[in-house]
Protein backbone atom coordinates (compact mmCIF):
# COMPACT_ATOMS: atom_id res chain seq x y z
CA MET A 1 183.44 -85.44 -15.81
CA LEU A 2 182.90 -81.78 -16.71
CA GLN A 3 181.29 -82.69 -20.02
CA ARG A 4 178.85 -85.06 -18.28
CA CYS A 5 177.90 -82.36 -15.75
CA SER A 6 177.44 -79.84 -18.52
CA ASN A 7 175.09 -82.16 -20.43
CA ALA A 8 173.05 -82.83 -17.30
CA VAL A 9 172.65 -79.13 -16.62
CA LYS A 10 171.59 -78.43 -20.21
CA LYS A 11 168.83 -81.07 -20.05
CA ARG A 12 167.38 -79.83 -16.75
CA ARG A 13 164.38 -77.53 -17.10
CA LYS A 14 163.82 -74.81 -14.57
CA HIS A 15 160.34 -74.73 -13.03
CA TYR A 16 160.87 -71.80 -10.69
CA ILE A 17 161.98 -68.20 -10.80
CA ASN A 18 163.87 -65.92 -8.45
CA LEU A 19 161.49 -62.97 -8.28
CA MET A 20 164.21 -60.74 -6.90
CA GLU A 21 165.82 -60.81 -10.35
CA HIS A 22 162.67 -59.29 -11.80
CA LEU A 23 162.38 -56.70 -9.02
CA VAL A 24 166.04 -55.68 -9.28
CA SER A 25 165.63 -55.33 -13.05
CA GLU A 26 162.57 -53.11 -12.60
CA GLU A 27 164.41 -50.98 -10.05
CA PHE A 28 167.37 -50.69 -12.43
CA ASP A 29 165.03 -49.34 -15.13
CA ARG A 30 163.39 -46.91 -12.71
CA GLN A 31 166.65 -45.39 -11.52
CA TYR A 32 168.70 -45.58 -14.73
CA VAL A 33 166.67 -42.93 -16.57
CA HIS A 34 167.54 -40.39 -13.87
CA LEU A 35 171.31 -40.89 -14.10
CA PRO A 36 173.52 -38.43 -15.98
CA GLN A 37 174.56 -39.53 -19.47
CA ASP A 38 178.24 -39.82 -18.55
CA VAL A 39 177.35 -42.23 -15.73
CA GLN A 40 175.00 -44.23 -17.97
CA SER A 41 177.78 -44.67 -20.53
CA ARG A 42 180.05 -46.32 -17.94
CA LEU A 43 177.50 -48.89 -16.77
CA GLU A 44 176.84 -52.44 -17.86
CA ARG A 45 173.36 -53.56 -16.84
CA ALA A 46 174.51 -57.08 -16.01
CA ASP A 47 177.21 -55.76 -13.67
CA VAL A 48 174.81 -53.52 -11.78
CA GLU A 49 172.11 -56.18 -11.47
CA ALA A 50 174.56 -58.90 -10.43
CA TRP A 51 176.09 -56.63 -7.76
CA ALA A 52 172.62 -55.84 -6.39
CA LEU A 53 171.40 -59.45 -6.54
CA ASN A 54 174.40 -60.59 -4.52
CA ARG A 55 173.18 -58.33 -1.71
CA VAL A 56 169.48 -59.15 -1.57
CA PRO A 57 167.90 -62.44 -0.52
CA ALA A 58 166.79 -64.81 -3.26
CA ARG A 59 163.05 -65.47 -3.25
CA TYR A 60 161.75 -68.23 -5.50
CA ALA A 61 158.25 -68.99 -6.71
CA THR A 62 156.56 -71.51 -8.97
CA GLY A 63 153.35 -71.00 -10.90
CA LYS A 64 151.77 -67.73 -11.98
CA ARG A 65 149.56 -67.30 -8.92
CA GLY A 66 152.41 -67.93 -6.52
CA MET A 67 154.56 -65.46 -8.42
CA GLN A 68 151.88 -62.76 -8.29
CA LEU A 69 151.27 -63.18 -4.58
CA LEU A 70 154.95 -63.32 -3.71
CA GLU A 71 155.84 -60.36 -5.93
CA GLU A 72 153.31 -58.13 -4.15
CA ARG A 73 154.63 -59.22 -0.77
CA LEU A 74 158.25 -58.75 -1.81
CA ARG A 75 157.59 -55.20 -3.01
CA GLU A 76 156.20 -54.36 0.43
CA MET A 77 158.92 -56.18 2.38
CA TYR A 78 161.97 -55.28 0.30
CA GLY A 79 161.03 -52.13 -1.62
CA GLU A 80 163.36 -49.85 0.33
CA LEU A 81 166.16 -52.41 0.36
CA LEU A 82 165.90 -52.82 -3.42
CA THR A 83 165.96 -49.07 -3.98
CA GLN A 84 169.03 -48.57 -1.79
CA THR A 85 170.88 -51.62 -3.07
CA VAL A 86 170.44 -50.73 -6.73
CA LYS A 87 171.48 -47.15 -5.96
CA GLN A 88 174.64 -48.47 -4.28
CA ALA A 89 175.25 -50.79 -7.24
CA PHE A 90 175.15 -47.82 -9.63
CA GLU A 91 177.64 -45.96 -7.45
CA VAL A 92 180.07 -48.86 -7.06
CA ILE A 93 179.93 -50.06 -10.65
CA SER A 94 180.28 -46.57 -12.13
CA LYS A 95 183.43 -46.01 -10.03
CA ASN A 96 184.88 -49.46 -10.75
CA SER A 97 183.73 -49.83 -14.32
CA ARG A 98 185.82 -51.96 -16.59
CA PRO A 99 186.15 -51.64 -20.34
CA PRO A 100 183.38 -53.42 -22.23
CA GLY A 101 184.28 -56.97 -23.09
CA GLU A 102 182.82 -60.37 -23.56
CA ALA A 103 180.18 -61.36 -21.08
CA CYS A 104 180.93 -64.20 -18.72
CA TRP A 105 178.10 -66.64 -19.28
CA PRO A 106 177.36 -69.41 -16.80
CA LEU A 107 178.93 -72.76 -17.56
CA ASP A 108 181.20 -71.42 -20.34
CA HIS A 109 184.11 -73.08 -18.57
CA LEU A 110 182.33 -76.44 -18.63
CA THR A 111 182.05 -76.63 -22.41
CA GLU A 112 185.71 -75.95 -23.13
């Protein structure tokens, strides 16, 4: 059963994007350069972004024009939330950092 699900997921093509992923990534870049080196060395980008993304609403778009329009609107609507959430993510992840290890990729457990 798991193998069949895994194959179905691999064949499916995504025709949409969660624009909040892009905005969180941009906010990460903006704030990261201002962090002290010792804090930067304890952070994994994926951890910070995942923590932040779990606390902001997902907003999906399809097509370039829809993405452009929605991105502008999302910056206005969620700019402050994104700034604060990414800042909190840096604080939490730097305090709870774990030793670097293998990344946990989606669906790894399905292919075993």
